[in-house]
Amino acid sequence: MSDKNPNPDKLSAATILVTLRSSKGDFHEYASKIARQRSLNGYYQELPDGLYKIHVEGDKSSIQALIGYMEMNKTFDKVDTVAIDQVMVSWSSYSSTYSDFSIKE
């Protein structure tokens, strides 16, 4: 788990697009769980084209850990209840827009 009071100089944001091979559970629960474990704020959104979008803000090392976990899932197949096919990341500036992690319709 990450520090609750991260260094402001190390804050960042990332948008992560994910495609799945399969899922035995709800991907939003999976994404929410691992984001919250890393004290990240933002949202999850299922896009109409079958992609899953996760936008997170927080300590950059926590975001990198989240991405690493998803990449590990992709490599080792079914580390969790989902099998990730592809992870695409774009980095942006921290905005402090989000105070928790939620599902965006």
C-alpha atoms as a PDB file:
ATOM      1  CA  MET A   1       0.000   0.000   0.000  1.00  0.00           C
ATOM      2  CA  SER A   2       1.241   3.481  -0.752  1.00  0.00           C
ATOM      3  CA  ASP A   3       1.801   6.418   1.562  1.00  0.00           C
ATOM      4  CA  LYS A   4      -1.431   8.332   2.346  1.00  0.00           C
ATOM      5  CA  ASN A   5       0.406  11.680   2.028  1.00  0.00           C
ATOM      6  CA  PRO A   6       2.473  11.423  -1.149  1.00  0.00           C
ATOM      7  CA  ASN A   7       5.124  13.965  -2.034  1.00  0.00           C
ATOM      8  CA  PRO A   8       3.443  16.594  -4.293  1.00  0.00           C
ATOM      9  CA  ASP A   9       6.499  16.557  -6.562  1.00  0.00           C
ATOM     10  CA  LYS A  10       5.867  12.884  -7.290  1.00  0.00           C
ATOM     11  CA  LEU A  11       2.162  13.156  -8.139  1.00  0.00           C
ATOM     12  CA  SER A  12       1.003  12.212 -11.605  1.00  0.00           C
ATOM     13  CA  ALA A  13      -1.977  10.914 -13.555  1.00  0.00           C
ATOM     14  CA  ALA A  14      -2.431   8.184 -16.124  1.00  0.00           C
ATOM     15  CA  THR A  15      -5.155   6.924 -18.399  1.00  0.00           C
ATOM     16  CA  ILE A  16      -4.953   3.155 -18.843  1.00  0.00           C
ATOM     17  CA  LEU A  17      -6.869   1.400 -21.611  1.00  0.00           C
ATOM     18  CA  VAL A  18      -7.291  -2.339 -21.196  1.00  0.00           C
ATOM     19  CA  THR A  19      -8.596  -5.124 -23.402  1.00  0.00           C
ATOM     20  CA  LEU A  20      -9.509  -8.460 -21.851  1.00  0.00           C
ATOM     21  CA  ARG A  21      -9.135 -12.041 -23.064  1.00  0.00           C
ATOM     22  CA  SER A  22     -11.679 -13.238 -20.525  1.00  0.00           C
ATOM     23  CA  SER A  23     -13.243 -12.322 -17.222  1.00  0.00           C
ATOM     24  CA  LYS A  24     -14.732 -14.445 -14.441  1.00  0.00           C
ATOM     25  CA  GLY A  25     -15.722 -11.351 -12.512  1.00  0.00           C
ATOM     26  CA  ASP A  26     -16.520  -7.712 -12.936  1.00  0.00           C
ATOM     27  CA  PHE A  27     -13.557  -5.786 -14.279  1.00  0.00           C
ATOM     28  CA  HIS A  28     -14.704  -2.617 -12.483  1.00  0.00           C
ATOM     29  CA  GLU A  29     -14.390  -4.438  -9.131  1.00  0.00           C
ATOM     30  CA  TYR A  30     -10.928  -5.664 -10.100  1.00  0.00           C
ATOM     31  CA  ALA A  31      -9.801  -2.173 -11.186  1.00  0.00           C
ATOM     32  CA  SER A  32     -11.336  -0.485  -8.146  1.00  0.00           C
ATOM     33  CA  LYS A  33      -9.728  -2.926  -5.743  1.00  0.00           C
ATOM     34  CA  ILE A  34      -6.192  -2.582  -7.052  1.00  0.00           C
ATOM     35  CA  ALA A  35      -6.475   1.221  -7.431  1.00  0.00           C
ATOM     36  CA  ARG A  36      -7.738   1.639  -3.869  1.00  0.00           C
ATOM     37  CA  GLN A  37      -5.054  -0.704  -2.509  1.00  0.00           C
ATOM     38  CA  ARG A  38      -2.530   1.721  -3.959  1.00  0.00           C
ATOM     39  CA  SER A  39      -4.355   4.834  -2.618  1.00  0.00           C
ATOM     40  CA  LEU A  40      -5.127   6.086  -6.130  1.00  0.00           C
ATOM     41  CA  ASN A  41      -8.098   8.265  -7.031  1.00  0.00           C
ATOM     42  CA  GLY A  42      -9.923   8.461 -10.343  1.00  0.00           C
ATOM     43  CA  TYR A  43     -12.461   6.377 -12.168  1.00  0.00           C
ATOM     44  CA  TYR A  44     -13.215   3.285 -14.198  1.00  0.00           C
ATOM     45  CA  GLN A  45     -15.309   3.401 -17.374  1.00  0.00           C
ATOM     46  CA  GLU A  46     -16.395   0.725 -19.836  1.00  0.00           C
ATOM     47  CA  LEU A  47     -16.173   2.187 -23.332  1.00  0.00           C
ATOM     48  CA  PRO A  48     -18.581   1.284 -26.160  1.00  0.00           C
ATOM     49  CA  ASP A  49     -15.800  -0.269 -28.274  1.00  0.00           C
ATOM     50  CA  GLY A  50     -15.054  -2.969 -25.683  1.00  0.00           C
ATOM     51  CA  LEU A  51     -12.117  -1.172 -24.090  1.00  0.00           C
ATOM     52  CA  TYR A  52     -11.941  -0.542 -20.356  1.00  0.00           C
ATOM     53  CA  LYS A  53     -10.643   2.853 -19.260  1.00  0.00           C
ATOM     54  CA  ILE A  54      -9.029   3.487 -15.895  1.00  0.00           C
ATOM     55  CA  HIS A  55      -7.992   7.051 -15.101  1.00  0.00           C
ATOM     56  CA  VAL A  56      -5.925   7.336 -11.923  1.00  0.00           C
ATOM     57  CA  GLU A  57      -4.173  10.103 -10.049  1.00  0.00           C
ATOM     58  CA  GLY A  58      -1.759   9.874  -7.181  1.00  0.00           C
ATOM     59  CA  ASP A  59       1.799   8.957  -6.386  1.00  0.00           C
ATOM     60  CA  LYS A  60       3.590   8.063  -9.624  1.00  0.00           C
ATOM     61  CA  SER A  61       5.198   4.973  -8.100  1.00  0.00           C
ATOM     62  CA  SER A  62       1.732   3.719  -7.061  1.00  0.00           C
ATOM     63  CA  ILE A  63       0.450   4.245 -10.597  1.00  0.00           C
ATOM     64  CA  GLN A  64       3.474   2.374 -11.952  1.00  0.00           C
ATOM     65  CA  ALA A  65       2.739  -0.472  -9.494  1.00  0.00           C
ATOM     66  CA  LEU A  66      -0.858  -0.655 -10.749  1.00  0.00           C
ATOM     67  CA  ILE A  67       0.338  -0.806 -14.366  1.00  0.00           C
ATOM     68  CA  GLY A  68       2.942  -3.410 -13.415  1.00  0.00           C
ATOM     69  CA  TYR A  69       0.289  -5.555 -11.770  1.00  0.00           C
ATOM     70  CA  MET A  70      -1.838  -5.432 -14.920  1.00  0.00           C
ATOM     71  CA  GLU A  71       1.183  -6.239 -17.084  1.00  0.00           C
ATOM     72  CA  MET A  72       1.998  -9.182 -14.801  1.00  0.00           C
ATOM     73  CA  ASN A  73      -1.578 -10.411 -15.185  1.00  0.00           C
ATOM     74  CA  LYS A  74      -1.171 -10.184 -18.967  1.00  0.00           C
ATOM     75  CA  THR A  75       2.081 -12.136 -18.893  1.00  0.00           C
ATOM     76  CA  PHE A  76       1.105 -14.877 -16.473  1.00  0.00           C
ATOM     77  CA  ASP A  77      -2.525 -15.215 -17.629  1.00  0.00           C
ATOM     78  CA  LYS A  78      -5.252 -15.197 -15.035  1.00  0.00           C
ATOM     79  CA  VAL A  79      -3.312 -13.975 -12.034  1.00  0.00           C
ATOM     80  CA  ASP A  80      -6.703 -12.753 -10.847  1.00  0.00           C
ATOM     81  CA  THR A  81     -10.322 -13.208 -11.970  1.00  0.00           C
ATOM     82  CA  VAL A  82      -9.603 -11.513 -15.292  1.00  0.00           C
ATOM     83  CA  ALA A  83      -7.229 -12.309 -18.123  1.00  0.00           C
ATOM     84  CA  ILE A  84      -5.808  -9.090 -19.555  1.00  0.00           C
ATOM     85  CA  ASP A  85      -4.896  -9.011 -23.225  1.00  0.00           C
ATOM     86  CA  GLN A  86      -3.469  -5.522 -23.730  1.00  0.00           C
ATOM     87  CA  VAL A  87      -2.554  -2.529 -21.544  1.00  0.00           C
ATOM     88  CA  MET A  88      -2.064   0.930 -23.095  1.00  0.00           C
ATOM     89  CA  VAL A  89      -0.975   3.882 -20.939  1.00  0.00           C
ATOM     90  CA  SER A  90      -0.858   7.629 -21.474  1.00  0.00           C
ATOM     91  CA  TRP A  91       0.579   9.869 -18.752  1.00  0.00           C
ATOM     92  CA  SER A  92      -0.702  13.330 -17.838  1.00  0.00           C
ATOM     93  CA  SER A  93      -0.364  15.950 -15.118  1.00  0.00           C
ATOM     94  CA  TYR A  94      -1.899  15.500 -11.691  1.00  0.00           C
ATOM     95  CA  SER A  95      -5.046  17.616 -11.344  1.00  0.00           C
ATOM     96  CA  SER A  96      -6.425  16.721  -7.877  1.00  0.00           C
ATOM     97  CA  THR A  97      -9.870  16.438  -9.508  1.00  0.00           C
ATOM     98  CA  TYR A  98     -10.765  13.150  -7.798  1.00  0.00           C
ATOM     99  CA  SER A  99     -11.135  12.447  -4.087  1.00  0.00           C
ATOM    100  CA  ASP A 100     -11.825   8.706  -4.442  1.00  0.00           C
ATOM    101  CA  PHE A 101     -12.072   5.950  -7.047  1.00  0.00           C
ATOM    102  CA  SER A 102     -15.470   5.507  -8.706  1.00  0.00           C
ATOM    103  CA  ILE A 103     -17.327   4.045 -11.671  1.00  0.00           C
ATOM    104  CA  LYS A 104     -18.130   6.495 -14.435  1.00  0.00           C
ATOM    105  CA  GLU A 105     -21.169   5.736 -16.569  1.00  0.00           C
END
